[in-house]
Amino acid sequence: MNVDEKMSINDMMNQINWNEIGISDDFMFGKVMENPKLCRKLLETILGIEIRKIEYPERQKAIDIAKESRGIRLDVYVAGNDAVYNIEMQAQDTQELPKRARYYSGLIDLNLIEKGVSYNNLNQSFIIFICTFDEFRKDRHRYTFENMCLEEKDLPLCDGTTKIFLNAKGTMNDVSLELKAFLDYVAGKKTDNGFVKEVDEEVKRVRESKEWRRDYMTLLMRDREKYEQGRREGHREGREEGHREGRKEGKLEMVVQLIRNGLLTVKEGAEQLRMTEADITKYL
């Protein structure tokens, strides 16, 4: 690793300012939504229904069904009204959200049902992605998907699964004023909406927590450690090729995690790794 390369990574890490991290950061979003009042209000605003009560089965719910399969860690996972709700904040367009929504839905179902239990016992599930970009390029604030029959357009499958993609940069008049105000806030715009003000106050409260700031930086340090581990493993191999591959893999893991956390764009990550944006997107 040359000096210029090392300095560029360190500079990138030093540019992170905890006091400027907003609701569009998935770590911040997860912490804010630990407030049950705000989480329930957000769900009611998105879905247009009343939710009597929500419960947190686990904070930052992790689902890892089998060691051979890829596990997931959900930003927000709550239960209520005989349904489960997964809300994810997505700050970077990784071009794989539809497939990820499918995977999340499947793992959540596997997590919900026990061996020998009837499929009818599966709760209704909502997978919700709040995006700072327009995944489907139709200028809508909201895209809702449920399974329907192709031959009979008015025949729903009624499998109890709903996937919703919200776009903070939508331009259509297609959602409630309160939901639009929240999405504007996600996009970095100021608003006088009462609910948004409550969320913003919670963001400020999270920023004041030394413990949560330490947790956030710990996650970033883990990414840096992956990079260093890759470099060390390459060195121990005693071969220049192994050194290069280990270093490349470690740096790739770190940069990809920064992209997923919204701290780098795909373009910036590609420049750091000297790769094409298409290759970065494929890896994501």
C-alpha atoms as a PDB file:
ATOM      1  CA  MET A   1       0.000   0.000   0.000  1.00  0.00           C
ATOM      2  CA  ASN A   2       1.542   3.302  -1.002  1.00  0.00           C
ATOM      3  CA  VAL A   3       1.458   6.440   1.165  1.00  0.00           C
ATOM      4  CA  ASP A   4      -1.018   8.296  -1.033  1.00  0.00           C
ATOM      5  CA  GLU A   5      -3.464   5.399  -0.884  1.00  0.00           C
ATOM      6  CA  LYS A   6      -3.191   5.143   2.901  1.00  0.00           C
ATOM      7  CA  MET A   7      -3.704   8.870   3.367  1.00  0.00           C
ATOM      8  CA  SER A   8      -6.773   8.925   1.125  1.00  0.00           C
ATOM      9  CA  ILE A   9      -8.469   6.288   3.304  1.00  0.00           C
ATOM     10  CA  ASN A  10      -7.559   8.074   6.534  1.00  0.00           C
ATOM     11  CA  ASP A  11      -8.771  11.383   5.145  1.00  0.00           C
ATOM     12  CA  MET A  12     -12.024   9.739   4.149  1.00  0.00           C
ATOM     13  CA  MET A  13     -12.548   8.388   7.662  1.00  0.00           C
ATOM     14  CA  ASN A  14     -11.666  11.728   9.260  1.00  0.00           C
ATOM     15  CA  GLN A  15     -14.300  13.525   7.186  1.00  0.00           C
ATOM     16  CA  ILE A  16     -17.074  11.795   9.145  1.00  0.00           C
ATOM     17  CA  ASN A  17     -18.726  14.297  11.483  1.00  0.00           C
ATOM     18  CA  TRP A  18     -21.035  12.721  14.065  1.00  0.00           C
ATOM     19  CA  ASN A  19     -22.778  16.050  14.676  1.00  0.00           C
ATOM     20  CA  GLU A  20     -23.837  16.244  11.030  1.00  0.00           C
ATOM     21  CA  ILE A  21     -25.214  12.721  10.687  1.00  0.00           C
ATOM     22  CA  GLY A  22     -28.960  12.891  10.022  1.00  0.00           C
ATOM     23  CA  ILE A  23     -31.979  10.617   9.775  1.00  0.00           C
ATOM     24  CA  SER A  24     -30.897   9.272   6.366  1.00  0.00           C
ATOM     25  CA  ASP A  25     -28.001   7.430   8.029  1.00  0.00           C
ATOM     26  CA  ASP A  26     -29.187   3.894   8.813  1.00  0.00           C
ATOM     27  CA  PHE A  27     -27.486   3.839  12.217  1.00  0.00           C
ATOM     28  CA  MET A  28     -29.150   7.116  13.220  1.00  0.00           C
ATOM     29  CA  PHE A  29     -32.500   5.992  11.823  1.00  0.00           C
ATOM     30  CA  GLY A  30     -32.376   2.763  13.810  1.00  0.00           C
ATOM     31  CA  LYS A  31     -31.593   4.621  17.036  1.00  0.00           C
ATOM     32  CA  VAL A  32     -34.373   7.188  16.499  1.00  0.00           C
ATOM     33  CA  MET A  33     -36.906   4.456  15.764  1.00  0.00           C
ATOM     34  CA  GLU A  34     -36.152   2.823  19.098  1.00  0.00           C
ATOM     35  CA  ASN A  35     -38.569   5.450  20.381  1.00  0.00           C
ATOM     36  CA  PRO A  36     -41.851   3.450  20.148  1.00  0.00           C
ATOM     37  CA  LYS A  37     -44.023   6.556  19.862  1.00  0.00           C
ATOM     38  CA  LEU A  38     -42.106   7.831  16.836  1.00  0.00           C
ATOM     39  CA  CYS A  39     -41.838   4.386  15.259  1.00  0.00           C
ATOM     40  CA  ARG A  40     -45.584   3.743  15.565  1.00  0.00           C
ATOM     41  CA  LYS A  41     -46.377   7.209  14.216  1.00  0.00           C
ATOM     42  CA  LEU A  42     -44.118   6.679  11.222  1.00  0.00           C
ATOM     43  CA  LEU A  43     -45.727   3.332  10.425  1.00  0.00           C
ATOM     44  CA  GLU A  44     -49.199   4.855  10.709  1.00  0.00           C
ATOM     45  CA  THR A  45     -48.135   7.701   8.437  1.00  0.00           C
ATOM     46  CA  ILE A  46     -46.723   5.334   5.815  1.00  0.00           C
ATOM     47  CA  LEU A  47     -49.520   2.780   5.872  1.00  0.00           C
ATOM     48  CA  GLY A  48     -52.492   5.032   6.625  1.00  0.00           C
ATOM     49  CA  ILE A  49     -53.753   2.721   9.365  1.00  0.00           C
ATOM     50  CA  GLU A  50     -53.996   2.849  13.143  1.00  0.00           C
ATOM     51  CA  ILE A  51     -51.586   0.617  15.016  1.00  0.00           C
ATOM     52  CA  ARG A  52     -52.643  -0.004  18.582  1.00  0.00           C
ATOM     53  CA  LYS A  53     -49.295  -1.123  19.904  1.00  0.00           C
ATOM     54  CA  ILE A  54     -45.884  -2.135  18.638  1.00  0.00           C
ATOM     55  CA  GLU A  55     -43.342  -4.444  20.204  1.00  0.00           C
ATOM     56  CA  TYR A  56     -39.636  -4.782  19.559  1.00  0.00           C
ATOM     57  CA  PRO A  57     -38.768  -8.499  19.436  1.00  0.00           C
ATOM     58  CA  GLU A  58     -35.098  -7.487  19.398  1.00  0.00           C
ATOM     59  CA  ARG A  59     -33.142  -4.285  18.906  1.00  0.00           C
ATOM     60  CA  GLN A  60     -31.491  -4.348  15.470  1.00  0.00           C
ATOM     61  CA  LYS A  61     -33.046  -7.734  14.753  1.00  0.00           C
ATOM     62  CA  ALA A  62     -30.583 -10.241  13.320  1.00  0.00           C
ATOM     63  CA  ILE A  63     -31.851 -13.219  11.317  1.00  0.00           C
ATOM     64  CA  ASP A  64     -29.384 -15.975  10.520  1.00  0.00           C
ATOM     65  CA  ILE A  65     -31.301 -19.171   9.701  1.00  0.00           C
ATOM     66  CA  ALA A  66     -28.364 -21.351   8.644  1.00  0.00           C
ATOM     67  CA  LYS A  67     -24.618 -20.890   8.727  1.00  0.00           C
ATOM     68  CA  GLU A  68     -24.424 -21.662   5.003  1.00  0.00           C
ATOM     69  CA  SER A  69     -26.866 -18.864   4.099  1.00  0.00           C
ATOM     70  CA  ARG A  70     -26.469 -15.117   4.244  1.00  0.00           C
ATOM     71  CA  GLY A  71     -27.855 -13.588   7.434  1.00  0.00           C
ATOM     72  CA  ILE A  72     -29.371 -10.117   7.696  1.00  0.00           C
ATOM     73  CA  ARG A  73     -29.471  -7.368  10.309  1.00  0.00           C
ATOM     74  CA  LEU A  74     -32.578  -5.220  10.095  1.00  0.00           C
ATOM     75  CA  ASP A  75     -32.589  -1.486  10.855  1.00  0.00           C
ATOM     76  CA  VAL A  76     -36.069  -1.567  12.407  1.00  0.00           C
ATOM     77  CA  TYR A  77     -38.143  -4.695  13.067  1.00  0.00           C
ATOM     78  CA  VAL A  78     -41.357  -4.421  15.092  1.00  0.00           C
ATOM     79  CA  ALA A  79     -44.574  -6.354  15.565  1.00  0.00           C
ATOM     80  CA  GLY A  80     -48.114  -5.071  16.018  1.00  0.00           C
ATOM     81  CA  ASN A  81     -51.724  -5.566  14.882  1.00  0.00           C
ATOM     82  CA  ASP A  82     -51.008  -9.201  13.899  1.00  0.00           C
ATOM     83  CA  ALA A  83     -48.340  -8.022  11.480  1.00  0.00           C
ATOM     84  CA  VAL A  84     -44.580  -7.535  11.401  1.00  0.00           C
ATOM     85  CA  TYR A  85     -42.914  -4.442  10.007  1.00  0.00           C
ATOM     86  CA  ASN A  86     -39.372  -4.084   8.722  1.00  0.00           C
ATOM     87  CA  ILE A  87     -38.248  -0.545   7.897  1.00  0.00           C
ATOM     88  CA  GLU A  88     -34.895   0.078   6.225  1.00  0.00           C
ATOM     89  CA  MET A  89     -33.214   3.408   5.538  1.00  0.00           C
ATOM     90  CA  GLN A  90     -31.368   3.331   2.204  1.00  0.00           C
ATOM     91  CA  ALA A  91     -29.070   6.222   1.301  1.00  0.00           C
ATOM     92  CA  GLN A  92     -27.312   4.664  -1.697  1.00  0.00           C
ATOM     93  CA  ASP A  93     -28.742   3.218  -4.906  1.00  0.00           C
ATOM     94  CA  THR A  94     -27.170  -0.236  -4.942  1.00  0.00           C
ATOM     95  CA  GLN A  95     -29.533  -1.397  -7.710  1.00  0.00           C
ATOM     96  CA  GLU A  96     -30.552  -4.540  -5.838  1.00  0.00           C
ATOM     97  CA  LEU A  97     -33.367  -3.418  -3.541  1.00  0.00           C
ATOM     98  CA  PRO A  98     -36.179  -5.467  -5.153  1.00  0.00           C
ATOM     99  CA  LYS A  99     -34.183  -8.682  -4.749  1.00  0.00           C
ATOM    100  CA  ARG A 100     -33.133  -7.685  -1.243  1.00  0.00           C
ATOM    101  CA  ALA A 101     -36.786  -7.047  -0.326  1.00  0.00           C
ATOM    102  CA  ARG A 102     -37.609 -10.535  -1.580  1.00  0.00           C
ATOM    103  CA  TYR A 103     -34.789 -12.056   0.478  1.00  0.00           C
ATOM    104  CA  TYR A 104     -35.751 -10.150   3.623  1.00  0.00           C
ATOM    105  CA  SER A 105     -39.369 -11.217   3.257  1.00  0.00           C
ATOM    106  CA  GLY A 106     -38.389 -14.873   2.927  1.00  0.00           C
ATOM    107  CA  LEU A 107     -36.058 -14.853   5.927  1.00  0.00           C
ATOM    108  CA  ILE A 108     -38.612 -13.048   8.067  1.00  0.00           C
ATOM    109  CA  ASP A 109     -41.179 -15.725   7.203  1.00  0.00           C
ATOM    110  CA  LEU A 110     -38.716 -18.481   8.109  1.00  0.00           C
ATOM    111  CA  ASN A 111     -38.031 -16.724  11.375  1.00  0.00           C
ATOM    112  CA  LEU A 112     -41.750 -16.381  12.163  1.00  0.00           C
ATOM    113  CA  ILE A 113     -42.926 -19.942  11.624  1.00  0.00           C
ATOM    114  CA  GLU A 114     -41.900 -22.967  13.655  1.00  0.00           C
ATOM    115  CA  LYS A 115     -41.568 -26.507  12.367  1.00  0.00           C
ATOM    116  CA  GLY A 116     -44.937 -28.214  12.046  1.00  0.00           C
ATOM    117  CA  VAL A 117     -46.956 -24.993  12.392  1.00  0.00           C
ATOM    118  CA  SER A 118     -49.614 -24.174   9.785  1.00  0.00           C
ATOM    119  CA  TYR A 119     -48.708 -21.631   7.119  1.00  0.00           C
ATOM    120  CA  ASN A 120     -51.923 -19.807   8.020  1.00  0.00           C
ATOM    121  CA  ASN A 121     -50.188 -18.724  11.215  1.00  0.00           C
ATOM    122  CA  LEU A 122     -47.795 -16.505   9.275  1.00  0.00           C
ATOM    123  CA  ASN A 123     -48.354 -12.863  10.178  1.00  0.00           C
ATOM    124  CA  GLN A 124     -48.851 -10.238   7.528  1.00  0.00           C
ATOM    125  CA  SER A 125     -45.499  -8.677   6.716  1.00  0.00           C
ATOM    126  CA  PHE A 126     -44.497  -5.244   5.461  1.00  0.00           C
ATOM    127  CA  ILE A 127     -41.031  -4.632   4.039  1.00  0.00           C
ATOM    128  CA  ILE A 128     -40.478  -0.876   3.777  1.00  0.00           C
ATOM    129  CA  PHE A 129     -37.461   0.840   2.225  1.00  0.00           C
ATOM    130  CA  ILE A 130     -37.107   4.599   2.759  1.00  0.00           C
ATOM    131  CA  CYS A 131     -34.815   5.746  -0.040  1.00  0.00           C
ATOM    132  CA  THR A 132     -33.037   9.024  -0.714  1.00  0.00           C
ATOM    133  CA  PHE A 133     -33.327   8.225  -4.442  1.00  0.00           C
ATOM    134  CA  ASP A 134     -35.979   7.048  -6.891  1.00  0.00           C
ATOM    135  CA  GLU A 135     -35.508   3.288  -7.278  1.00  0.00           C
ATOM    136  CA  PHE A 136     -38.000   3.026 -10.156  1.00  0.00           C
ATOM    137  CA  ARG A 137     -37.474   6.405 -11.890  1.00  0.00           C
ATOM    138  CA  LYS A 138     -41.190   7.280 -12.033  1.00  0.00           C
ATOM    139  CA  ASP A 139     -41.073  10.391  -9.786  1.00  0.00           C
ATOM    140  CA  ARG A 140     -43.443   8.884  -7.238  1.00  0.00           C
ATOM    141  CA  HIS A 141     -42.986   9.254  -3.490  1.00  0.00           C
ATOM    142  CA  ARG A 142     -44.363   5.775  -2.915  1.00  0.00           C
ATOM    143  CA  TYR A 143     -44.326   2.441  -4.753  1.00  0.00           C
ATOM    144  CA  THR A 144     -46.389  -0.384  -3.222  1.00  0.00           C
ATOM    145  CA  PHE A 145     -46.127  -3.978  -4.420  1.00  0.00           C
ATOM    146  CA  GLU A 146     -48.399  -6.931  -3.681  1.00  0.00           C
ATOM    147  CA  ASN A 147     -48.676 -10.222  -5.559  1.00  0.00           C
ATOM    148  CA  MET A 148     -51.440 -10.290  -8.178  1.00  0.00           C
ATOM    149  CA  CYS A 149     -52.566 -12.713 -10.879  1.00  0.00           C
ATOM    150  CA  LEU A 150     -51.278 -11.727 -14.322  1.00  0.00           C
ATOM    151  CA  GLU A 151     -54.242 -13.263 -16.108  1.00  0.00           C
ATOM    152  CA  GLU A 152     -56.874 -11.854 -13.733  1.00  0.00           C
ATOM    153  CA  LYS A 153     -55.688  -8.364 -12.866  1.00  0.00           C
ATOM    154  CA  ASP A 154     -58.214  -7.907 -10.069  1.00  0.00           C
ATOM    155  CA  LEU A 155     -57.326 -11.239  -8.390  1.00  0.00           C
ATOM    156  CA  PRO A 156     -54.896 -10.763  -5.473  1.00  0.00           C
ATOM    157  CA  LEU A 157     -52.843 -13.671  -4.181  1.00  0.00           C
ATOM    158  CA  CYS A 158     -53.567 -12.631  -0.575  1.00  0.00           C
ATOM    159  CA  ASP A 159     -50.285 -14.070   0.694  1.00  0.00           C
ATOM    160  CA  GLY A 160     -49.992 -11.312   3.285  1.00  0.00           C
ATOM    161  CA  THR A 161     -46.801  -9.744   1.954  1.00  0.00           C
ATOM    162  CA  THR A 162     -46.443  -6.081   1.052  1.00  0.00           C
ATOM    163  CA  LYS A 163     -43.295  -4.325  -0.122  1.00  0.00           C
ATOM    164  CA  ILE A 164     -43.150  -0.525  -0.090  1.00  0.00           C
ATOM    165  CA  PHE A 165     -40.413   1.682  -1.519  1.00  0.00           C
ATOM    166  CA  LEU A 166     -40.506   5.352  -0.502  1.00  0.00           C
ATOM    167  CA  ASN A 167     -38.665   7.986  -2.525  1.00  0.00           C
ATOM    168  CA  ALA A 168     -37.546  11.140  -0.694  1.00  0.00           C
ATOM    169  CA  LYS A 169     -37.079  12.923  -4.022  1.00  0.00           C
ATOM    170  CA  GLY A 170     -40.537  12.261  -5.463  1.00  0.00           C
ATOM    171  CA  THR A 171     -42.385  15.076  -7.231  1.00  0.00           C
ATOM    172  CA  MET A 172     -45.920  13.697  -7.570  1.00  0.00           C
ATOM    173  CA  ASN A 173     -48.809  14.628  -5.287  1.00  0.00           C
ATOM    174  CA  ASP A 174     -49.312  10.993  -4.310  1.00  0.00           C
ATOM    175  CA  VAL A 175     -48.877  10.806  -0.520  1.00  0.00           C
ATOM    176  CA  SER A 176     -50.252  12.559   2.554  1.00  0.00           C
ATOM    177  CA  LEU A 177     -48.824  15.925   3.573  1.00  0.00           C
ATOM    178  CA  GLU A 178     -47.338  14.370   6.709  1.00  0.00           C
ATOM    179  CA  LEU A 179     -45.562  11.611   4.804  1.00  0.00           C
ATOM    180  CA  LYS A 180     -44.295  14.130   2.248  1.00  0.00           C
ATOM    181  CA  ALA A 181     -42.968  16.306   5.093  1.00  0.00           C
ATOM    182  CA  PHE A 182     -41.100  13.332   6.541  1.00  0.00           C
ATOM    183  CA  LEU A 183     -39.638  12.391   3.153  1.00  0.00           C
ATOM    184  CA  ASP A 184     -38.580  16.000   2.614  1.00  0.00           C
ATOM    185  CA  TYR A 185     -36.803  15.806   5.964  1.00  0.00           C
ATOM    186  CA  VAL A 186     -35.032  12.607   4.874  1.00  0.00           C
ATOM    187  CA  ALA A 187     -33.919  14.494   1.756  1.00  0.00           C
ATOM    188  CA  GLY A 188     -32.445  17.244   3.937  1.00  0.00           C
ATOM    189  CA  LYS A 189     -35.183  19.840   3.504  1.00  0.00           C
ATOM    190  CA  LYS A 190     -36.558  21.936   6.362  1.00  0.00           C
ATOM    191  CA  THR A 191     -40.199  21.587   7.359  1.00  0.00           C
ATOM    192  CA  ASP A 192     -42.513  22.892  10.088  1.00  0.00           C
ATOM    193  CA  ASN A 193     -44.408  19.606  10.390  1.00  0.00           C
ATOM    194  CA  GLY A 194     -44.995  18.635  14.025  1.00  0.00           C
ATOM    195  CA  PHE A 195     -44.078  14.971  13.625  1.00  0.00           C
ATOM    196  CA  VAL A 196     -40.885  15.852  11.786  1.00  0.00           C
ATOM    197  CA  LYS A 197     -39.938  18.258  14.580  1.00  0.00           C
ATOM    198  CA  GLU A 198     -40.322  15.414  17.076  1.00  0.00           C
ATOM    199  CA  VAL A 199     -38.087  13.193  14.940  1.00  0.00           C
ATOM    200  CA  ASP A 200     -35.511  15.971  14.633  1.00  0.00           C
ATOM    201  CA  GLU A 201     -35.444  16.423  18.397  1.00  0.00           C
ATOM    202  CA  GLU A 202     -34.785  12.697  18.765  1.00  0.00           C
ATOM    203  CA  VAL A 203     -31.942  12.949  16.236  1.00  0.00           C
ATOM    204  CA  LYS A 204     -30.382  15.691  18.360  1.00  0.00           C
ATOM    205  CA  ARG A 205     -30.801  13.562  21.478  1.00  0.00           C
ATOM    206  CA  VAL A 206     -29.014  10.640  19.809  1.00  0.00           C
ATOM    207  CA  ARG A 207     -26.151  12.929  18.795  1.00  0.00           C
ATOM    208  CA  GLU A 208     -25.714  13.963  22.421  1.00  0.00           C
ATOM    209  CA  SER A 209     -25.170  10.350  23.499  1.00  0.00           C
ATOM    210  CA  LYS A 210     -21.485   9.567  23.939  1.00  0.00           C
ATOM    211  CA  GLU A 211     -22.328   5.863  24.052  1.00  0.00           C
ATOM    212  CA  TRP A 212     -24.077   5.868  20.685  1.00  0.00           C
ATOM    213  CA  ARG A 213     -21.348   7.995  19.138  1.00  0.00           C
ATOM    214  CA  ARG A 214     -18.842   5.393  20.342  1.00  0.00           C
ATOM    215  CA  ASP A 215     -20.991   2.581  18.892  1.00  0.00           C
ATOM    216  CA  TYR A 216     -21.114   4.347  15.542  1.00  0.00           C
ATOM    217  CA  MET A 217     -17.382   4.879  15.411  1.00  0.00           C
ATOM    218  CA  THR A 218     -16.848   1.267  16.503  1.00  0.00           C
ATOM    219  CA  LEU A 219     -18.708   0.098  13.400  1.00  0.00           C
ATOM    220  CA  LEU A 220     -16.435   2.220  11.234  1.00  0.00           C
ATOM    221  CA  MET A 221     -13.371   0.901  13.038  1.00  0.00           C
ATOM    222  CA  ARG A 222     -14.500  -2.656  12.316  1.00  0.00           C
ATOM    223  CA  ASP A 223     -14.532  -1.780   8.633  1.00  0.00           C
ATOM    224  CA  ARG A 224     -11.019  -0.399   8.930  1.00  0.00           C
ATOM    225  CA  GLU A 225      -9.927  -3.573  10.739  1.00  0.00           C
ATOM    226  CA  LYS A 226     -11.246  -5.667   7.843  1.00  0.00           C
ATOM    227  CA  TYR A 227      -8.978  -3.691   5.572  1.00  0.00           C
ATOM    228  CA  GLU A 228      -5.971  -4.156   7.853  1.00  0.00           C
ATOM    229  CA  GLN A 229      -6.738  -7.867   8.254  1.00  0.00           C
ATOM    230  CA  GLY A 230      -6.753  -8.311   4.502  1.00  0.00           C
ATOM    231  CA  ARG A 231      -3.407  -6.545   4.279  1.00  0.00           C
ATOM    232  CA  ARG A 232      -1.854  -8.674   7.043  1.00  0.00           C
ATOM    233  CA  GLU A 233      -3.127 -11.934   5.585  1.00  0.00           C
ATOM    234  CA  GLY A 234      -1.608 -11.025   2.254  1.00  0.00           C
ATOM    235  CA  HIS A 235       1.707 -10.317   3.990  1.00  0.00           C
ATOM    236  CA  ARG A 236       1.724 -13.629   5.875  1.00  0.00           C
ATOM    237  CA  GLU A 237       1.311 -15.530   2.634  1.00  0.00           C
ATOM    238  CA  GLY A 238       4.759 -14.340   1.725  1.00  0.00           C
ATOM    239  CA  ARG A 239       3.712 -13.829  -1.861  1.00  0.00           C
ATOM    240  CA  GLU A 240       3.260 -10.481  -3.530  1.00  0.00           C
ATOM    241  CA  GLU A 241       0.110 -11.704  -5.254  1.00  0.00           C
ATOM    242  CA  GLY A 242      -1.404 -12.811  -1.967  1.00  0.00           C
ATOM    243  CA  HIS A 243      -0.462  -9.472  -0.446  1.00  0.00           C
ATOM    244  CA  ARG A 244      -2.187  -7.558  -3.220  1.00  0.00           C
ATOM    245  CA  GLU A 245      -5.323  -9.707  -3.113  1.00  0.00           C
ATOM    246  CA  GLY A 246      -5.631  -9.544   0.660  1.00  0.00           C
ATOM    247  CA  ARG A 247      -5.159  -5.777   0.615  1.00  0.00           C
ATOM    248  CA  LYS A 248      -7.646  -5.344  -2.193  1.00  0.00           C
ATOM    249  CA  GLU A 249     -10.290  -7.501  -0.499  1.00  0.00           C
ATOM    250  CA  GLY A 250      -9.919  -5.714   2.827  1.00  0.00           C
ATOM    251  CA  LYS A 251     -10.163  -2.287   1.236  1.00  0.00           C
ATOM    252  CA  LEU A 252     -13.092  -3.414  -0.893  1.00  0.00           C
ATOM    253  CA  GLU A 253     -15.011  -4.594   2.188  1.00  0.00           C
ATOM    254  CA  MET A 254     -14.390  -1.307   3.977  1.00  0.00           C
ATOM    255  CA  VAL A 255     -15.383   0.918   1.069  1.00  0.00           C
ATOM    256  CA  VAL A 256     -18.503  -1.145   0.356  1.00  0.00           C
ATOM    257  CA  GLN A 257     -19.615  -0.805   3.982  1.00  0.00           C
ATOM    258  CA  LEU A 258     -19.097   2.967   3.809  1.00  0.00           C
ATOM    259  CA  ILE A 259     -21.256   3.057   0.674  1.00  0.00           C
ATOM    260  CA  ARG A 260     -23.986   1.052   2.390  1.00  0.00           C
ATOM    261  CA  ASN A 261     -23.857   3.450   5.344  1.00  0.00           C
ATOM    262  CA  GLY A 262     -24.306   6.390   2.985  1.00  0.00           C
ATOM    263  CA  LEU A 263     -20.874   7.839   3.764  1.00  0.00           C
ATOM    264  CA  LEU A 264     -19.582   7.363   0.225  1.00  0.00           C
ATOM    265  CA  THR A 265     -21.303   7.412  -3.145  1.00  0.00           C
ATOM    266  CA  VAL A 266     -20.819   4.538  -5.579  1.00  0.00           C
ATOM    267  CA  LYS A 267     -18.797   6.892  -7.768  1.00  0.00           C
ATOM    268  CA  GLU A 268     -16.501   7.906  -4.903  1.00  0.00           C
ATOM    269  CA  GLY A 269     -16.067   4.269  -3.896  1.00  0.00           C
ATOM    270  CA  ALA A 270     -15.154   3.347  -7.458  1.00  0.00           C
ATOM    271  CA  GLU A 271     -12.517   6.087  -7.516  1.00  0.00           C
ATOM    272  CA  GLN A 272     -11.042   4.886  -4.201  1.00  0.00           C
ATOM    273  CA  LEU A 273     -10.779   1.324  -5.487  1.00  0.00           C
ATOM    274  CA  ARG A 274      -9.894   2.232  -9.072  1.00  0.00           C
ATOM    275  CA  MET A 275     -12.820   0.132 -10.236  1.00  0.00           C
ATOM    276  CA  THR A 276     -15.779   0.886 -12.479  1.00  0.00           C
ATOM    277  CA  GLU A 277     -19.093   1.905 -10.945  1.00  0.00           C
ATOM    278  CA  ALA A 278     -20.640  -1.161 -12.624  1.00  0.00           C
ATOM    279  CA  ASP A 279     -18.209  -3.492 -10.814  1.00  0.00           C
ATOM    280  CA  ILE A 280     -18.901  -1.822  -7.470  1.00  0.00           C
ATOM    281  CA  THR A 281     -22.653  -2.105  -8.050  1.00  0.00           C
ATOM    282  CA  LYS A 282     -22.307  -5.776  -8.986  1.00  0.00           C
ATOM    283  CA  TYR A 283     -20.394  -6.457  -5.764  1.00  0.00           C
ATOM    284  CA  LEU A 284     -23.035  -4.632  -3.712  1.00  0.00           C
END
